[in-house]
Amino acid sequence: MAYAFETRPLTAATWPDLEELFEVRGNAIVRDCYCMFFRRARPAKDAPRPDPDSKAGLRALVDGDGVTPGVTPGLVGYVDGGPAGWISLGPRPDFRRLERSRVMKQVDDTPVWSVVCTFVARPFRGRGVQHRLLAAAVEHARDHGAGMLEAYPVDKPERSHPDSMFVGSRSLFERAGFTEVVRRSPTRVTMRLALR
């Protein structure tokens, strides 16, 4: 079935659309962290779920507090005018937790942008929305001067629970032209796409 698709940067104007998307029943994985998991060094052990600090933290980034100047925290995807998906990306230094990760630590000195989360709401899955979100993210990164885009997808033969697939699958990134550069885990890889 054909549908109209577009993406818009996450801004104060599109914030209500992201809230609508994340707050839908069944979207606990994104509602719990509001895409702040990789942006913080480590959440408090006793942080409530959902953590209101996560939502407030992402809103602060939207308002320009702490994110690389001129860079939005991600893109909201729309199907037929309504919010349907989300992809979080930006310069790797914006994602402090990546450096603490054995699996996702820096590969080399190449400046990269990172894709750390991609989410499609249940009613829109299986329609190619995630591929279209990633294509938009590639163009967004290129338009903002990124020379290399990096991702950390799941790569395993058996099907994973959707909640563990927020980083995307290897096949998603391969179809977009990404190639594996390092594997530090049996089920996770680091993949890159040169943008220039």
N, C-alpha and C. Protein backbone atom coordinates (compact mmCIF):
# COMPACT_ATOMS: atom_id res chain seq x y z
N MET A 1 0.83 -1.18 0.00
CA MET A 1 0.00 0.00 0.00
C MET A 1 0.88 1.25 0.00
N ALA A 2 0.62 2.16 -0.91
CA ALA A 2 1.41 3.39 -1.01
C ALA A 2 1.05 4.34 0.13
N TYR A 3 2.02 5.11 0.51
CA TYR A 3 1.78 6.11 1.55
C TYR A 3 2.73 7.27 1.34
N ALA A 4 2.35 8.42 1.84
CA ALA A 4 3.21 9.61 1.79
C ALA A 4 4.15 9.56 2.98
N PHE A 5 5.43 9.78 2.74
CA PHE A 5 6.43 9.73 3.81
C PHE A 5 7.28 10.99 3.76
N GLU A 6 7.58 11.50 4.94
CA GLU A 6 8.52 12.62 5.06
C GLU A 6 9.17 12.57 6.43
N THR A 7 10.27 13.27 6.58
CA THR A 7 10.89 13.43 7.89
C THR A 7 11.04 14.91 8.18
N ARG A 8 11.05 15.21 9.46
CA ARG A 8 11.30 16.58 9.91
C ARG A 8 12.27 16.51 11.08
N PRO A 9 13.20 17.45 11.18
CA PRO A 9 14.10 17.47 12.33
C PRO A 9 13.30 17.64 13.63
N LEU A 10 13.82 17.07 14.70
CA LEU A 10 13.19 17.26 16.01
C LEU A 10 13.51 18.67 16.49
N THR A 11 12.48 19.47 16.58
CA THR A 11 12.59 20.87 17.03
C THR A 11 11.45 21.12 18.02
N ALA A 12 11.39 22.33 18.54
CA ALA A 12 10.27 22.67 19.42
C ALA A 12 8.93 22.48 18.70
N ALA A 13 8.91 22.74 17.39
CA ALA A 13 7.67 22.62 16.63
C ALA A 13 7.24 21.16 16.45
N THR A 14 8.21 20.25 16.32
CA THR A 14 7.86 18.83 16.10
C THR A 14 7.89 18.02 17.40
N TRP A 15 8.29 18.64 18.50
CA TRP A 15 8.32 17.95 19.78
C TRP A 15 6.99 17.29 20.14
N PRO A 16 5.84 17.97 19.97
CA PRO A 16 4.57 17.30 20.29
C PRO A 16 4.33 16.03 19.47
N ASP A 17 4.85 15.98 18.25
CA ASP A 17 4.71 14.77 17.43
C ASP A 17 5.54 13.63 18.00
N LEU A 18 6.74 13.95 18.48
CA LEU A 18 7.57 12.90 19.10
C LEU A 18 6.91 12.40 20.38
N GLU A 19 6.38 13.32 21.18
CA GLU A 19 5.66 12.91 22.38
C GLU A 19 4.49 11.98 22.04
N GLU A 20 3.74 12.35 21.03
CA GLU A 20 2.61 11.51 20.61
C GLU A 20 3.10 10.11 20.22
N LEU A 21 4.18 10.06 19.47
CA LEU A 21 4.74 8.78 19.02
C LEU A 21 5.23 7.94 20.19
N PHE A 22 5.98 8.53 21.09
CA PHE A 22 6.58 7.78 22.19
C PHE A 22 5.56 7.39 23.26
N GLU A 23 4.51 8.16 23.42
CA GLU A 23 3.57 7.91 24.50
C GLU A 23 2.49 6.88 24.17
N VAL A 24 2.44 6.41 22.93
CA VAL A 24 1.45 5.41 22.55
C VAL A 24 1.69 4.13 23.34
N ARG A 25 0.61 3.53 23.82
CA ARG A 25 0.72 2.28 24.57
C ARG A 25 1.46 1.24 23.73
N GLY A 26 2.37 0.53 24.38
CA GLY A 26 3.16 -0.47 23.68
C GLY A 26 4.52 0.04 23.24
N ASN A 27 4.78 1.33 23.40
CA ASN A 27 6.06 1.91 23.00
C ASN A 27 6.96 2.17 24.20
N ALA A 28 6.96 1.24 25.15
CA ALA A 28 7.67 1.44 26.41
C ALA A 28 9.16 1.62 26.22
N ILE A 29 9.76 0.96 25.26
CA ILE A 29 11.22 1.03 25.09
C ILE A 29 11.67 2.48 24.83
N VAL A 30 10.93 3.20 23.99
CA VAL A 30 11.32 4.58 23.73
C VAL A 30 10.80 5.53 24.80
N ARG A 31 9.65 5.24 25.33
CA ARG A 31 9.09 6.09 26.39
C ARG A 31 9.96 6.05 27.64
N ASP A 32 10.55 4.90 27.95
CA ASP A 32 11.39 4.77 29.15
C ASP A 32 12.65 5.60 29.06
N CYS A 33 13.27 5.70 27.89
CA CYS A 33 14.56 6.40 27.85
C CYS A 33 14.54 7.69 27.03
N TYR A 34 13.48 7.92 26.26
CA TYR A 34 13.39 9.12 25.43
C TYR A 34 14.69 9.39 24.68
N CYS A 35 15.31 8.31 24.25
CA CYS A 35 16.52 8.36 23.42
C CYS A 35 17.68 9.10 24.09
N MET A 36 17.76 8.99 25.41
CA MET A 36 18.86 9.60 26.14
C MET A 36 19.88 8.58 26.63
N PHE A 37 19.63 7.30 26.39
CA PHE A 37 20.50 6.24 26.92
C PHE A 37 21.96 6.46 26.54
N PHE A 38 22.23 6.71 25.27
CA PHE A 38 23.61 6.87 24.82
C PHE A 38 24.16 8.27 25.05
N ARG A 39 23.29 9.21 25.34
CA ARG A 39 23.73 10.59 25.54
C ARG A 39 24.22 10.85 26.96
N ARG A 40 23.87 9.97 27.89
CA ARG A 40 24.30 10.11 29.28
C ARG A 40 25.41 9.12 29.57
N ALA A 41 26.29 9.50 30.48
CA ALA A 41 27.35 8.57 30.87
C ALA A 41 26.75 7.34 31.54
N ARG A 42 25.81 7.56 32.46
CA ARG A 42 25.16 6.44 33.14
C ARG A 42 23.98 6.98 33.94
N PRO A 43 22.79 6.37 33.77
CA PRO A 43 21.65 6.83 34.57
C PRO A 43 21.77 6.36 36.01
N ALA A 44 21.09 7.02 36.89
CA ALA A 44 21.09 6.60 38.29
C ALA A 44 20.46 5.21 38.41
N LYS A 45 21.01 4.38 39.32
CA LYS A 45 20.51 3.01 39.49
C LYS A 45 19.05 2.99 39.91
N ASP A 46 18.65 3.98 40.68
CA ASP A 46 17.28 3.99 41.17
C ASP A 46 16.37 4.91 40.36
N ALA A 47 16.78 5.24 39.13
CA ALA A 47 15.96 6.11 38.29
C ALA A 47 14.63 5.43 37.99
N PRO A 48 13.53 6.16 38.11
CA PRO A 48 12.21 5.57 37.84
C PRO A 48 12.04 5.27 36.35
N ARG A 49 11.11 4.36 36.05
CA ARG A 49 10.80 4.04 34.66
C ARG A 49 9.31 4.26 34.44
N PRO A 50 8.95 5.10 33.48
CA PRO A 50 9.85 5.90 32.66
C PRO A 50 10.52 7.00 33.48
N ASP A 51 11.72 7.35 33.09
CA ASP A 51 12.51 8.33 33.81
C ASP A 51 12.17 9.73 33.29
N PRO A 52 11.52 10.56 34.11
CA PRO A 52 11.16 11.91 33.64
C PRO A 52 12.38 12.75 33.28
N ASP A 53 13.54 12.41 33.87
CA ASP A 53 14.75 13.15 33.53
C ASP A 53 15.16 12.91 32.09
N SER A 54 14.84 11.73 31.55
CA SER A 54 15.17 11.45 30.15
C SER A 54 14.38 12.34 29.22
N LYS A 55 13.10 12.43 29.46
CA LYS A 55 12.25 13.28 28.63
C LYS A 55 12.70 14.73 28.72
N ALA A 56 12.95 15.18 29.94
CA ALA A 56 13.42 16.56 30.13
C ALA A 56 14.78 16.77 29.48
N GLY A 57 15.63 15.74 29.53
CA GLY A 57 16.95 15.84 28.93
C GLY A 57 16.89 15.99 27.42
N LEU A 58 16.02 15.21 26.78
CA LEU A 58 15.89 15.34 25.33
C LEU A 58 15.29 16.69 24.98
N ARG A 59 14.31 17.13 25.75
CA ARG A 59 13.72 18.44 25.47
C ARG A 59 14.77 19.54 25.60
N ALA A 60 15.68 19.42 26.57
CA ALA A 60 16.75 20.41 26.72
C ALA A 60 17.65 20.42 25.49
N LEU A 61 17.89 19.25 24.91
CA LEU A 61 18.70 19.20 23.68
C LEU A 61 17.97 19.89 22.54
N VAL A 62 16.68 19.67 22.45
CA VAL A 62 15.87 20.33 21.42
C VAL A 62 15.96 21.84 21.58
N ASP A 63 16.02 22.29 22.82
CA ASP A 63 16.10 23.72 23.09
C ASP A 63 17.53 24.26 22.98
N GLY A 64 18.47 23.40 22.57
CA GLY A 64 19.83 23.86 22.30
C GLY A 64 20.79 23.78 23.45
N ASP A 65 20.45 23.04 24.50
CA ASP A 65 21.30 22.94 25.68
C ASP A 65 22.13 21.65 25.65
N GLY A 66 23.35 21.73 25.15
CA GLY A 66 24.25 20.59 25.25
C GLY A 66 24.54 19.84 23.96
N VAL A 67 23.67 19.94 22.97
CA VAL A 67 23.93 19.25 21.72
C VAL A 67 24.88 20.10 20.87
N THR A 68 25.58 19.47 19.94
CA THR A 68 26.46 20.22 19.04
C THR A 68 25.65 21.34 18.39
N PRO A 69 26.16 22.57 18.44
CA PRO A 69 25.40 23.71 17.88
C PRO A 69 24.95 23.45 16.44
N GLY A 70 23.69 23.75 16.18
CA GLY A 70 23.15 23.60 14.83
C GLY A 70 22.73 22.19 14.47
N VAL A 71 22.84 21.26 15.42
CA VAL A 71 22.51 19.85 15.14
C VAL A 71 21.29 19.44 15.96
N THR A 72 20.28 18.92 15.27
CA THR A 72 19.10 18.41 15.94
C THR A 72 19.38 17.00 16.48
N PRO A 73 18.70 16.58 17.56
CA PRO A 73 18.96 15.23 18.10
C PRO A 73 18.48 14.08 17.21
N GLY A 74 17.69 14.37 16.17
CA GLY A 74 17.22 13.30 15.31
C GLY A 74 16.10 13.77 14.40
N LEU A 75 15.49 12.80 13.73
CA LEU A 75 14.43 13.08 12.77
C LEU A 75 13.17 12.31 13.14
N VAL A 76 12.03 12.97 13.02
CA VAL A 76 10.73 12.33 13.19
C VAL A 76 10.24 11.96 11.80
N GLY A 77 9.78 10.70 11.64
CA GLY A 77 9.23 10.25 10.37
C GLY A 77 7.72 10.29 10.40
N TYR A 78 7.12 10.68 9.29
CA TYR A 78 5.67 10.82 9.19
C TYR A 78 5.12 9.96 8.05
N VAL A 79 4.07 9.24 8.32
CA VAL A 79 3.34 8.49 7.30
C VAL A 79 1.97 9.14 7.16
N ASP A 80 1.69 9.58 5.94
CA ASP A 80 0.41 10.25 5.66
C ASP A 80 0.13 11.38 6.66
N GLY A 81 1.18 12.09 7.03
CA GLY A 81 1.05 13.27 7.87
C GLY A 81 1.10 13.03 9.36
N GLY A 82 1.04 11.77 9.81
CA GLY A 82 1.09 11.48 11.25
C GLY A 82 2.42 10.89 11.67
N PRO A 83 2.87 11.14 12.91
CA PRO A 83 4.16 10.61 13.36
C PRO A 83 4.16 9.09 13.40
N ALA A 84 5.18 8.49 12.80
CA ALA A 84 5.25 7.03 12.67
C ALA A 84 6.58 6.45 13.09
N GLY A 85 7.64 7.26 13.11
CA GLY A 85 8.96 6.72 13.44
C GLY A 85 9.93 7.80 13.87
N TRP A 86 11.08 7.35 14.29
CA TRP A 86 12.11 8.24 14.87
C TRP A 86 13.48 7.63 14.59
N ILE A 87 14.45 8.49 14.31
CA ILE A 87 15.83 8.03 14.19
C ILE A 87 16.72 9.08 14.86
N SER A 88 17.58 8.61 15.75
CA SER A 88 18.46 9.49 16.50
C SER A 88 19.87 9.40 15.93
N LEU A 89 20.45 10.54 15.63
CA LEU A 89 21.81 10.58 15.09
C LEU A 89 22.45 11.92 15.42
N GLY A 90 23.76 11.95 15.29
CA GLY A 90 24.50 13.18 15.51
C GLY A 90 25.98 12.88 15.62
N PRO A 91 26.79 13.90 15.81
CA PRO A 91 28.23 13.69 15.98
C PRO A 91 28.50 12.74 17.15
N ARG A 92 29.40 11.80 16.94
CA ARG A 92 29.68 10.77 17.94
C ARG A 92 29.97 11.35 19.33
N PRO A 93 30.71 12.46 19.47
CA PRO A 93 30.96 13.00 20.81
C PRO A 93 29.70 13.37 21.58
N ASP A 94 28.57 13.55 20.90
CA ASP A 94 27.31 13.85 21.61
C ASP A 94 26.79 12.64 22.39
N PHE A 95 27.31 11.45 22.09
CA PHE A 95 26.83 10.22 22.72
C PHE A 95 27.90 9.68 23.68
N ARG A 96 27.89 10.22 24.88
CA ARG A 96 28.96 9.96 25.85
C ARG A 96 29.09 8.48 26.21
N ARG A 97 27.98 7.77 26.21
CA ARG A 97 28.01 6.39 26.65
C ARG A 97 28.74 5.46 25.67
N LEU A 98 28.86 5.87 24.41
CA LEU A 98 29.55 5.02 23.44
C LEU A 98 30.99 4.76 23.86
N GLU A 99 31.64 5.75 24.46
CA GLU A 99 33.04 5.58 24.85
C GLU A 99 33.21 4.61 26.01
N ARG A 100 32.16 4.40 26.78
CA ARG A 100 32.24 3.47 27.92
C ARG A 100 31.90 2.04 27.50
N SER A 101 31.52 1.87 26.24
CA SER A 101 31.08 0.57 25.75
C SER A 101 32.24 -0.22 25.16
N ARG A 102 32.38 -1.45 25.58
CA ARG A 102 33.40 -2.33 25.00
C ARG A 102 33.09 -2.61 23.53
N VAL A 103 31.80 -2.73 23.21
CA VAL A 103 31.37 -3.11 21.87
C VAL A 103 31.36 -1.93 20.90
N MET A 104 31.01 -0.74 21.39
CA MET A 104 30.83 0.41 20.50
C MET A 104 31.90 1.48 20.65
N LYS A 105 33.01 1.14 21.29
CA LYS A 105 34.05 2.15 21.47
C LYS A 105 34.61 2.60 20.11
N GLN A 106 35.31 3.71 20.13
CA GLN A 106 35.82 4.34 18.92
C GLN A 106 36.71 3.38 18.15
N VAL A 107 36.52 3.35 16.84
CA VAL A 107 37.29 2.46 15.96
C VAL A 107 38.65 3.07 15.64
N ASP A 108 38.66 4.35 15.29
CA ASP A 108 39.90 5.04 14.90
C ASP A 108 39.67 6.54 15.09
N ASP A 109 40.53 7.35 14.50
CA ASP A 109 40.43 8.80 14.68
C ASP A 109 39.52 9.49 13.67
N THR A 110 38.89 8.74 12.79
CA THR A 110 38.00 9.32 11.80
C THR A 110 36.82 10.01 12.48
N PRO A 111 36.56 11.29 12.19
CA PRO A 111 35.36 11.93 12.75
C PRO A 111 34.11 11.29 12.15
N VAL A 112 33.20 10.86 13.00
CA VAL A 112 31.98 10.21 12.51
C VAL A 112 30.75 10.80 13.18
N TRP A 113 29.63 10.63 12.50
CA TRP A 113 28.32 10.80 13.11
C TRP A 113 27.82 9.40 13.42
N SER A 114 27.04 9.27 14.47
CA SER A 114 26.52 7.97 14.89
C SER A 114 25.00 7.93 14.79
N VAL A 115 24.50 6.78 14.34
CA VAL A 115 23.07 6.47 14.40
C VAL A 115 22.91 5.52 15.58
N VAL A 116 22.19 5.96 16.62
CA VAL A 116 22.12 5.15 17.84
C VAL A 116 20.75 4.55 18.12
N CYS A 117 19.72 5.03 17.43
CA CYS A 117 18.38 4.51 17.68
C CYS A 117 17.52 4.71 16.45
N THR A 118 16.75 3.70 16.13
CA THR A 118 15.74 3.83 15.09
C THR A 118 14.49 3.09 15.56
N PHE A 119 13.37 3.76 15.46
CA PHE A 119 12.13 3.21 16.01
C PHE A 119 10.97 3.48 15.06
N VAL A 120 10.16 2.45 14.84
CA VAL A 120 8.93 2.59 14.05
C VAL A 120 7.79 2.05 14.91
N ALA A 121 6.73 2.81 15.04
CA ALA A 121 5.57 2.39 15.82
C ALA A 121 4.93 1.15 15.18
N ARG A 122 4.39 0.29 16.01
CA ARG A 122 3.87 -1.00 15.57
C ARG A 122 2.94 -0.93 14.35
N PRO A 123 1.99 0.00 14.27
CA PRO A 123 1.09 0.00 13.12
C PRO A 123 1.78 0.24 11.77
N PHE A 124 3.02 0.76 11.82
CA PHE A 124 3.70 1.12 10.58
C PHE A 124 4.85 0.18 10.22
N ARG A 125 5.04 -0.86 11.01
CA ARG A 125 6.14 -1.80 10.76
C ARG A 125 5.83 -2.68 9.55
N GLY A 126 6.89 -3.13 8.89
CA GLY A 126 6.74 -4.00 7.74
C GLY A 126 6.35 -3.27 6.46
N ARG A 127 6.48 -1.95 6.46
CA ARG A 127 6.09 -1.14 5.30
C ARG A 127 7.25 -0.35 4.72
N GLY A 128 8.48 -0.64 5.20
CA GLY A 128 9.65 0.06 4.68
C GLY A 128 9.93 1.40 5.33
N VAL A 129 9.21 1.72 6.40
CA VAL A 129 9.39 3.02 7.05
C VAL A 129 10.80 3.15 7.62
N GLN A 130 11.31 2.08 8.23
CA GLN A 130 12.64 2.16 8.83
C GLN A 130 13.71 2.43 7.76
N HIS A 131 13.58 1.82 6.61
CA HIS A 131 14.54 2.06 5.52
C HIS A 131 14.47 3.51 5.05
N ARG A 132 13.27 4.04 5.00
CA ARG A 132 13.11 5.43 4.56
C ARG A 132 13.64 6.41 5.62
N LEU A 133 13.46 6.07 6.89
CA LEU A 133 14.05 6.89 7.96
C LEU A 133 15.56 6.92 7.85
N LEU A 134 16.16 5.74 7.61
CA LEU A 134 17.62 5.69 7.51
C LEU A 134 18.11 6.47 6.30
N ALA A 135 17.42 6.36 5.17
CA ALA A 135 17.82 7.12 3.98
C ALA A 135 17.77 8.62 4.26
N ALA A 136 16.75 9.06 4.98
CA ALA A 136 16.65 10.48 5.34
C ALA A 136 17.77 10.88 6.29
N ALA A 137 18.13 9.98 7.21
CA ALA A 137 19.22 10.27 8.14
C ALA A 137 20.55 10.42 7.41
N VAL A 138 20.78 9.57 6.42
CA VAL A 138 22.01 9.67 5.62
C VAL A 138 22.09 11.04 4.96
N GLU A 139 21.01 11.47 4.35
CA GLU A 139 21.00 12.77 3.69
C GLU A 139 21.14 13.91 4.70
N HIS A 140 20.50 13.76 5.84
CA HIS A 140 20.59 14.78 6.89
C HIS A 140 22.04 14.93 7.37
N ALA A 141 22.70 13.81 7.62
CA ALA A 141 24.09 13.87 8.07
C ALA A 141 24.98 14.50 6.99
N ARG A 142 24.78 14.09 5.75
CA ARG A 142 25.56 14.65 4.65
C ARG A 142 25.33 16.16 4.54
N ASP A 143 24.08 16.58 4.63
CA ASP A 143 23.76 18.01 4.52
C ASP A 143 24.37 18.83 5.65
N HIS A 144 24.66 18.17 6.78
CA HIS A 144 25.26 18.87 7.91
C HIS A 144 26.78 18.69 7.99
N GLY A 145 27.37 18.23 6.90
CA GLY A 145 28.82 18.18 6.79
C GLY A 145 29.49 16.92 7.29
N ALA A 146 28.73 15.91 7.68
CA ALA A 146 29.35 14.66 8.13
C ALA A 146 30.02 13.96 6.95
N GLY A 147 31.20 13.43 7.20
CA GLY A 147 31.91 12.68 6.16
C GLY A 147 31.76 11.18 6.30
N MET A 148 31.40 10.73 7.50
CA MET A 148 31.26 9.30 7.77
C MET A 148 30.11 9.10 8.76
N LEU A 149 29.27 8.12 8.44
CA LEU A 149 28.16 7.77 9.32
C LEU A 149 28.40 6.37 9.86
N GLU A 150 28.18 6.19 11.16
CA GLU A 150 28.49 4.93 11.83
C GLU A 150 27.25 4.42 12.56
N ALA A 151 27.12 3.09 12.62
CA ALA A 151 26.00 2.46 13.32
C ALA A 151 26.48 1.21 14.04
N TYR A 152 25.66 0.70 14.96
CA TYR A 152 26.07 -0.40 15.85
C TYR A 152 24.96 -1.45 15.92
N PRO A 153 24.57 -2.01 14.77
CA PRO A 153 23.38 -2.87 14.72
C PRO A 153 23.57 -4.27 15.29
N VAL A 154 22.42 -4.91 15.50
CA VAL A 154 22.36 -6.31 15.91
C VAL A 154 22.62 -7.18 14.69
N ASP A 155 23.41 -8.23 14.87
CA ASP A 155 23.70 -9.18 13.78
C ASP A 155 23.69 -10.58 14.35
N LYS A 156 22.54 -11.24 14.25
CA LYS A 156 22.44 -12.62 14.69
C LYS A 156 21.38 -13.34 13.86
N PRO A 157 21.50 -14.66 13.71
CA PRO A 157 20.60 -15.37 12.80
C PRO A 157 19.16 -15.47 13.30
N GLU A 158 18.96 -15.59 14.61
CA GLU A 158 17.59 -15.73 15.11
C GLU A 158 16.93 -14.37 15.27
N ARG A 159 15.61 -14.39 15.24
CA ARG A 159 14.83 -13.15 15.38
C ARG A 159 14.94 -12.64 16.81
N SER A 160 15.13 -11.33 16.93
CA SER A 160 15.23 -10.69 18.25
C SER A 160 13.90 -10.06 18.62
N HIS A 161 13.69 -9.88 19.92
CA HIS A 161 12.52 -9.16 20.40
C HIS A 161 12.62 -7.72 19.89
N PRO A 162 11.52 -7.14 19.42
CA PRO A 162 11.57 -5.77 18.89
C PRO A 162 12.19 -4.75 19.84
N ASP A 163 12.01 -4.93 21.16
CA ASP A 163 12.57 -3.98 22.12
C ASP A 163 14.10 -3.95 22.10
N SER A 164 14.73 -5.02 21.64
CA SER A 164 16.20 -5.05 21.61
C SER A 164 16.75 -4.60 20.26
N MET A 165 15.85 -4.19 19.36
CA MET A 165 16.29 -3.82 18.01
C MET A 165 16.33 -2.32 17.78
N PHE A 166 16.37 -1.54 18.85
CA PHE A 166 16.37 -0.08 18.68
C PHE A 166 17.61 0.42 17.97
N VAL A 167 18.68 -0.38 17.94
CA VAL A 167 19.89 0.01 17.21
C VAL A 167 19.82 -0.40 15.74
N GLY A 168 18.77 -1.14 15.36
CA GLY A 168 18.63 -1.59 13.98
C GLY A 168 19.30 -2.93 13.75
N SER A 169 19.07 -3.48 12.58
CA SER A 169 19.65 -4.77 12.19
C SER A 169 20.75 -4.55 11.17
N ARG A 170 21.63 -5.51 11.10
CA ARG A 170 22.71 -5.44 10.10
C ARG A 170 22.13 -5.28 8.70
N SER A 171 21.08 -6.05 8.39
CA SER A 171 20.52 -6.00 7.04
C SER A 171 19.97 -4.61 6.70
N LEU A 172 19.39 -3.91 7.68
CA LEU A 172 18.90 -2.56 7.45
C LEU A 172 20.03 -1.67 6.94
N PHE A 173 21.16 -1.73 7.63
CA PHE A 173 22.28 -0.85 7.27
C PHE A 173 22.99 -1.33 6.00
N GLU A 174 23.08 -2.63 5.81
CA GLU A 174 23.69 -3.15 4.58
C GLU A 174 22.92 -2.67 3.35
N ARG A 175 21.61 -2.72 3.43
CA ARG A 175 20.79 -2.28 2.28
C ARG A 175 21.01 -0.81 1.98
N ALA A 176 21.44 -0.03 2.98
CA ALA A 176 21.71 1.39 2.78
C ALA A 176 23.16 1.66 2.37
N GLY A 177 23.96 0.59 2.22
CA GLY A 177 25.33 0.75 1.76
C GLY A 177 26.39 0.74 2.84
N PHE A 178 26.01 0.53 4.10
CA PHE A 178 26.99 0.46 5.19
C PHE A 178 27.77 -0.85 5.08
N THR A 179 29.01 -0.82 5.53
CA THR A 179 29.83 -2.04 5.58
C THR A 179 30.41 -2.21 6.98
N GLU A 180 30.64 -3.46 7.36
CA GLU A 180 31.21 -3.76 8.67
C GLU A 180 32.65 -3.30 8.73
N VAL A 181 33.02 -2.63 9.84
CA VAL A 181 34.41 -2.22 10.04
C VAL A 181 35.05 -2.93 11.22
N VAL A 182 34.25 -3.34 12.20
CA VAL A 182 34.79 -4.08 13.34
C VAL A 182 33.66 -4.83 14.02
N ARG A 183 34.02 -5.98 14.60
CA ARG A 183 33.07 -6.77 15.38
C ARG A 183 33.73 -7.08 16.71
N ARG A 184 33.11 -6.61 17.78
CA ARG A 184 33.64 -6.86 19.12
C ARG A 184 32.70 -7.73 19.95
N SER A 185 31.67 -8.23 19.32
CA SER A 185 30.67 -9.06 19.98
C SER A 185 30.12 -10.05 18.96
N PRO A 186 29.74 -11.24 19.40
CA PRO A 186 29.15 -12.18 18.45
C PRO A 186 27.87 -11.68 17.80
N THR A 187 27.15 -10.76 18.48
CA THR A 187 25.85 -10.34 17.96
C THR A 187 25.75 -8.85 17.63
N ARG A 188 26.86 -8.11 17.71
CA ARG A 188 26.84 -6.68 17.39
C ARG A 188 28.04 -6.33 16.53
N VAL A 189 27.82 -5.43 15.57
CA VAL A 189 28.90 -4.98 14.70
C VAL A 189 28.91 -3.46 14.65
N THR A 190 30.04 -2.90 14.25
CA THR A 190 30.13 -1.49 13.92
C THR A 190 30.20 -1.40 12.41
N MET A 191 29.32 -0.59 11.83
CA MET A 191 29.26 -0.44 10.38
C MET A 191 29.38 1.04 10.02
N ARG A 192 29.91 1.29 8.82
CA ARG A 192 30.11 2.67 8.39
C ARG A 192 29.68 2.87 6.94
N LEU A 193 29.33 4.12 6.68
CA LEU A 193 29.02 4.56 5.33
C LEU A 193 29.74 5.87 5.09
N ALA A 194 30.60 5.92 4.06
CA ALA A 194 31.28 7.16 3.70
C ALA A 194 30.29 8.06 2.98
N LEU A 195 30.20 9.30 3.42
CA LEU A 195 29.24 10.25 2.84
C LEU A 195 29.87 11.20 1.84
N ARG A 196 31.19 11.23 1.81
CA ARG A 196 31.88 12.11 0.84
C ARG A 196 33.02 11.36 0.21
